[in-house]
Amino acid sequence: MPLDIDVAVEDPRWEGVSPDLEALVIRAVEAGYAAAPEAPAGPAEISVLLTDDASVQALNRTWRGKDKPTNVLSFPAPPQPVVAGMAAPLGDVVLAYDTMLRESAEQSKPLADHLAHLLVHGTLHLLGQDHETGEAEADAMEALEVAALRTLGVPDPYAD
């Protein structure tokens, strides 16, 4: 089904990640969506915000009680009534440039590949996947991420 992806770039440093940043974001979110076992049957909408550590830290503090930046946050939308012809909002994915840049360097991964991984990860969270509820769930989510990234030509981020 159709997936509407809104991309907002709040920090201009993101533009250096890829010559066509918006296309990369859209492809990665679509890959995560396609890999999810419980994607909605009808049209859906996901918003992506590319921002900085300070903004993500503020969100993380407010919504998760953790006063530190993190690489990606997912905010699933509350269930909505189905309205014919309208996309169901699935939620928001927010990424911190500074943390992503640092992690990419520490893990010796191309920025674009790490961004794709975080977008797939965040999208799967919007679709009900959760790696923090147990080892089996974490393994299942990891397998979905690897499968989605494979469709993008991104190597397994969990490989040794």
C-alpha atoms as a PDB file:
ATOM      1  CA  MET A   1       0.000   0.000   0.000  1.00  0.00           C
ATOM      2  CA  PRO A   2       1.111   3.590  -0.463  1.00  0.00           C
ATOM      3  CA  LEU A   3       3.469   5.018   2.114  1.00  0.00           C
ATOM      4  CA  ASP A   4       3.803   8.796   2.460  1.00  0.00           C
ATOM      5  CA  ILE A   5       7.141   9.806   3.985  1.00  0.00           C
ATOM      6  CA  ASP A   6       7.662  13.376   5.130  1.00  0.00           C
ATOM      7  CA  VAL A   7      11.310  14.356   5.579  1.00  0.00           C
ATOM      8  CA  ALA A   8      12.375  17.462   7.508  1.00  0.00           C
ATOM      9  CA  VAL A   9      16.033  18.456   7.743  1.00  0.00           C
ATOM     10  CA  GLU A  10      16.564  20.661  10.782  1.00  0.00           C
ATOM     11  CA  ASP A  11      20.382  20.498  10.804  1.00  0.00           C
ATOM     12  CA  PRO A  12      22.052  21.348   7.463  1.00  0.00           C
ATOM     13  CA  ARG A  13      25.002  19.026   8.200  1.00  0.00           C
ATOM     14  CA  TRP A  14      22.745  16.127   7.211  1.00  0.00           C
ATOM     15  CA  GLU A  15      22.927  17.278   3.580  1.00  0.00           C
ATOM     16  CA  GLY A  16      26.550  16.058   3.426  1.00  0.00           C
ATOM     17  CA  VAL A  17      25.577  12.448   4.152  1.00  0.00           C
ATOM     18  CA  SER A  18      24.322  11.747   0.636  1.00  0.00           C
ATOM     19  CA  PRO A  19      24.012  13.643  -2.655  1.00  0.00           C
ATOM     20  CA  ASP A  20      20.281  12.839  -2.577  1.00  0.00           C
ATOM     21  CA  LEU A  21      19.511  12.686   1.127  1.00  0.00           C
ATOM     22  CA  GLU A  22      15.730  12.650   0.794  1.00  0.00           C
ATOM     23  CA  ALA A  23      15.811   9.725  -1.644  1.00  0.00           C
ATOM     24  CA  LEU A  24      18.069   7.778   0.734  1.00  0.00           C
ATOM     25  CA  VAL A  25      15.711   8.437   3.648  1.00  0.00           C
ATOM     26  CA  ILE A  26      12.668   7.393   1.643  1.00  0.00           C
ATOM     27  CA  ARG A  27      14.296   4.173   0.366  1.00  0.00           C
ATOM     28  CA  ALA A  28      15.422   3.183   3.878  1.00  0.00           C
ATOM     29  CA  VAL A  29      12.024   3.861   5.472  1.00  0.00           C
ATOM     30  CA  GLU A  30      10.303   1.947   2.664  1.00  0.00           C
ATOM     31  CA  ALA A  31      12.680  -0.999   3.197  1.00  0.00           C
ATOM     32  CA  GLY A  32      11.920  -1.085   6.930  1.00  0.00           C
ATOM     33  CA  TYR A  33       8.207  -0.827   6.216  1.00  0.00           C
ATOM     34  CA  ALA A  34       8.334  -3.660   3.672  1.00  0.00           C
ATOM     35  CA  ALA A  35      10.238  -5.908   6.096  1.00  0.00           C
ATOM     36  CA  ALA A  36       7.773  -5.436   8.960  1.00  0.00           C
ATOM     37  CA  PRO A  37       5.470  -8.391   9.523  1.00  0.00           C
ATOM     38  CA  GLU A  38       2.638  -6.150  10.720  1.00  0.00           C
ATOM     39  CA  ALA A  39       2.598  -3.217   8.320  1.00  0.00           C
ATOM     40  CA  PRO A  40      -0.871  -1.702   7.844  1.00  0.00           C
ATOM     41  CA  ALA A  41      -2.902  -2.781   4.853  1.00  0.00           C
ATOM     42  CA  GLY A  42      -3.976   0.740   3.852  1.00  0.00           C
ATOM     43  CA  PRO A  43      -2.136   3.951   3.082  1.00  0.00           C
ATOM     44  CA  ALA A  44       0.186   5.136   5.834  1.00  0.00           C
ATOM     45  CA  GLU A  45       2.348   8.120   6.725  1.00  0.00           C
ATOM     46  CA  ILE A  46       5.689   8.386   8.532  1.00  0.00           C
ATOM     47  CA  SER A  47       7.528  11.597   9.399  1.00  0.00           C
ATOM     48  CA  VAL A  48      11.317  11.745   9.647  1.00  0.00           C
ATOM     49  CA  LEU A  49      13.196  14.554  11.373  1.00  0.00           C
ATOM     50  CA  LEU A  50      16.948  14.879  10.852  1.00  0.00           C
ATOM     51  CA  THR A  51      18.263  17.050  13.661  1.00  0.00           C
ATOM     52  CA  ASP A  52      21.125  17.369  16.153  1.00  0.00           C
ATOM     53  CA  ASP A  53      22.107  15.911  19.521  1.00  0.00           C
ATOM     54  CA  ALA A  54      20.691  18.805  21.550  1.00  0.00           C
ATOM     55  CA  SER A  55      17.217  18.393  20.048  1.00  0.00           C
ATOM     56  CA  VAL A  56      17.258  14.623  20.432  1.00  0.00           C
ATOM     57  CA  GLN A  57      18.507  14.938  24.005  1.00  0.00           C
ATOM     58  CA  ALA A  58      15.582  17.238  24.838  1.00  0.00           C
ATOM     59  CA  LEU A  59      13.108  14.759  23.333  1.00  0.00           C
ATOM     60  CA  ASN A  60      14.788  11.818  25.048  1.00  0.00           C
ATOM     61  CA  ARG A  61      14.630  13.638  28.397  1.00  0.00           C
ATOM     62  CA  THR A  62      10.983  14.642  27.969  1.00  0.00           C
ATOM     63  CA  TRP A  63       9.580  11.391  26.593  1.00  0.00           C
ATOM     64  CA  ARG A  64      11.889   8.681  27.954  1.00  0.00           C
ATOM     65  CA  GLY A  65      13.327  10.286  31.095  1.00  0.00           C
ATOM     66  CA  LYS A  66      16.877   9.847  29.755  1.00  0.00           C
ATOM     67  CA  ASP A  67      18.849  13.094  29.765  1.00  0.00           C
ATOM     68  CA  LYS A  68      21.261  12.212  26.979  1.00  0.00           C
ATOM     69  CA  PRO A  69      21.280  12.152  23.210  1.00  0.00           C
ATOM     70  CA  THR A  70      20.724   8.906  21.346  1.00  0.00           C
ATOM     71  CA  ASN A  71      21.041   7.981  17.690  1.00  0.00           C
ATOM     72  CA  VAL A  72      17.354   7.473  16.847  1.00  0.00           C
ATOM     73  CA  LEU A  73      14.025   7.936  18.571  1.00  0.00           C
ATOM     74  CA  SER A  74      10.707   6.551  17.377  1.00  0.00           C
ATOM     75  CA  PHE A  75       7.368   7.979  18.414  1.00  0.00           C
ATOM     76  CA  PRO A  76       4.532   5.688  17.306  1.00  0.00           C
ATOM     77  CA  ALA A  77       1.270   7.515  16.670  1.00  0.00           C
ATOM     78  CA  PRO A  78      -1.685   6.497  18.799  1.00  0.00           C
ATOM     79  CA  PRO A  79      -4.231   4.306  17.010  1.00  0.00           C
ATOM     80  CA  GLN A  80      -6.375   6.363  14.663  1.00  0.00           C
ATOM     81  CA  PRO A  81      -9.811   5.686  13.203  1.00  0.00           C
ATOM     82  CA  VAL A  82      -9.634   4.527   9.602  1.00  0.00           C
ATOM     83  CA  VAL A  83     -10.778   7.258   7.222  1.00  0.00           C
ATOM     84  CA  ALA A  84     -11.269   6.291   3.582  1.00  0.00           C
ATOM     85  CA  GLY A  85      -8.716   7.968   1.341  1.00  0.00           C
ATOM     86  CA  MET A  86      -6.579   9.190   4.246  1.00  0.00           C
ATOM     87  CA  ALA A  87      -3.172   7.843   5.202  1.00  0.00           C
ATOM     88  CA  ALA A  88      -2.946   6.461   8.736  1.00  0.00           C
ATOM     89  CA  PRO A  89      -0.212   8.263  10.676  1.00  0.00           C
ATOM     90  CA  LEU A  90       2.283   5.700  11.963  1.00  0.00           C
ATOM     91  CA  GLY A  91       4.485   8.159  13.837  1.00  0.00           C
ATOM     92  CA  ASP A  92       7.775   9.989  13.789  1.00  0.00           C
ATOM     93  CA  VAL A  93      11.412   8.941  13.537  1.00  0.00           C
ATOM     94  CA  VAL A  94      13.982  11.453  14.821  1.00  0.00           C
ATOM     95  CA  LEU A  95      17.741  11.129  14.262  1.00  0.00           C
ATOM     96  CA  ALA A  96      20.671  12.938  15.875  1.00  0.00           C
ATOM     97  CA  TYR A  97      23.442  13.901  13.462  1.00  0.00           C
ATOM     98  CA  ASP A  98      26.250  14.166  16.019  1.00  0.00           C
ATOM     99  CA  THR A  99      25.604  10.744  17.545  1.00  0.00           C
ATOM    100  CA  MET A 100      25.188   9.118  14.131  1.00  0.00           C
ATOM    101  CA  LEU A 101      28.455  10.663  12.919  1.00  0.00           C
ATOM    102  CA  ARG A 102      30.366   9.497  16.024  1.00  0.00           C
ATOM    103  CA  GLU A 103      28.936   5.962  15.849  1.00  0.00           C
ATOM    104  CA  SER A 104      29.670   5.693  12.145  1.00  0.00           C
ATOM    105  CA  ALA A 105      33.317   6.592  12.773  1.00  0.00           C
ATOM    106  CA  GLU A 106      33.621   4.267  15.797  1.00  0.00           C
ATOM    107  CA  GLN A 107      32.155   1.367  13.812  1.00  0.00           C
ATOM    108  CA  SER A 108      34.032   2.193  10.582  1.00  0.00           C
ATOM    109  CA  LYS A 109      30.765   2.289   8.630  1.00  0.00           C
ATOM    110  CA  PRO A 110      29.857   4.665   5.822  1.00  0.00           C
ATOM    111  CA  LEU A 111      27.553   7.441   7.040  1.00  0.00           C
ATOM    112  CA  ALA A 112      24.890   6.625   4.471  1.00  0.00           C
ATOM    113  CA  ASP A 113      24.844   2.945   5.522  1.00  0.00           C
ATOM    114  CA  HIS A 114      24.554   3.831   9.204  1.00  0.00           C
ATOM    115  CA  LEU A 115      21.771   6.307   8.428  1.00  0.00           C
ATOM    116  CA  ALA A 116      19.909   3.627   6.459  1.00  0.00           C
ATOM    117  CA  HIS A 117      20.262   1.216   9.389  1.00  0.00           C
ATOM    118  CA  LEU A 118      18.936   3.736  11.913  1.00  0.00           C
ATOM    119  CA  LEU A 119      15.995   4.593   9.651  1.00  0.00           C
ATOM    120  CA  VAL A 120      15.093   0.924   9.188  1.00  0.00           C
ATOM    121  CA  HIS A 121      15.430   0.423  12.954  1.00  0.00           C
ATOM    122  CA  GLY A 122      13.233   3.415  13.756  1.00  0.00           C
ATOM    123  CA  THR A 123      10.617   2.423  11.193  1.00  0.00           C
ATOM    124  CA  LEU A 124      10.391  -1.080  12.619  1.00  0.00           C
ATOM    125  CA  HIS A 125       9.770   0.433  16.056  1.00  0.00           C
ATOM    126  CA  LEU A 126       6.830   2.387  14.605  1.00  0.00           C
ATOM    127  CA  LEU A 127       5.454  -0.905  13.338  1.00  0.00           C
ATOM    128  CA  GLY A 128       5.526  -2.637  16.713  1.00  0.00           C
ATOM    129  CA  GLN A 129       8.972  -4.222  16.783  1.00  0.00           C
ATOM    130  CA  ASP A 130      10.804  -3.933  20.109  1.00  0.00           C
ATOM    131  CA  HIS A 131      14.301  -5.156  20.918  1.00  0.00           C
ATOM    132  CA  GLU A 132      14.059  -4.195  24.591  1.00  0.00           C
ATOM    133  CA  THR A 133      11.425  -6.745  25.630  1.00  0.00           C
ATOM    134  CA  GLY A 134      13.615  -9.825  25.464  1.00  0.00           C
ATOM    135  CA  GLU A 135      16.311 -11.691  23.590  1.00  0.00           C
ATOM    136  CA  ALA A 136      13.905 -13.422  21.203  1.00  0.00           C
ATOM    137  CA  GLU A 137      12.312 -10.109  20.232  1.00  0.00           C
ATOM    138  CA  ALA A 138      15.732  -8.506  19.814  1.00  0.00           C
ATOM    139  CA  ASP A 139      16.865 -11.358  17.553  1.00  0.00           C
ATOM    140  CA  ALA A 140      13.665 -11.097  15.497  1.00  0.00           C
ATOM    141  CA  MET A 141      14.034  -7.347  15.058  1.00  0.00           C
ATOM    142  CA  GLU A 142      17.700  -7.712  14.135  1.00  0.00           C
ATOM    143  CA  ALA A 143      16.801 -10.276  11.448  1.00  0.00           C
ATOM    144  CA  LEU A 144      14.206  -7.886   9.993  1.00  0.00           C
ATOM    145  CA  GLU A 145      16.762  -5.069   9.951  1.00  0.00           C
ATOM    146  CA  VAL A 146      19.361  -7.211   8.190  1.00  0.00           C
ATOM    147  CA  ALA A 147      16.794  -8.340   5.599  1.00  0.00           C
ATOM    148  CA  ALA A 148      15.636  -4.764   4.941  1.00  0.00           C
ATOM    149  CA  LEU A 149      19.196  -3.472   4.660  1.00  0.00           C
ATOM    150  CA  ARG A 150      20.108  -6.279   2.249  1.00  0.00           C
ATOM    151  CA  THR A 151      17.469  -4.901  -0.169  1.00  0.00           C
ATOM    152  CA  LEU A 152      19.369  -1.586  -0.052  1.00  0.00           C
ATOM    153  CA  GLY A 153      22.777  -3.171  -0.593  1.00  0.00           C
ATOM    154  CA  VAL A 154      23.842  -2.288   2.954  1.00  0.00           C
ATOM    155  CA  PRO A 155      26.008  -4.900   4.694  1.00  0.00           C
ATOM    156  CA  ASP A 156      24.821  -6.606   7.891  1.00  0.00           C
ATOM    157  CA  PRO A 157      25.531  -4.042  10.629  1.00  0.00           C
ATOM    158  CA  TYR A 158      25.694  -6.798  13.242  1.00  0.00           C
ATOM    159  CA  ALA A 159      28.301  -8.922  11.461  1.00  0.00           C
ATOM    160  CA  ASP A 160      31.613  -9.284  13.259  1.00  0.00           C
END
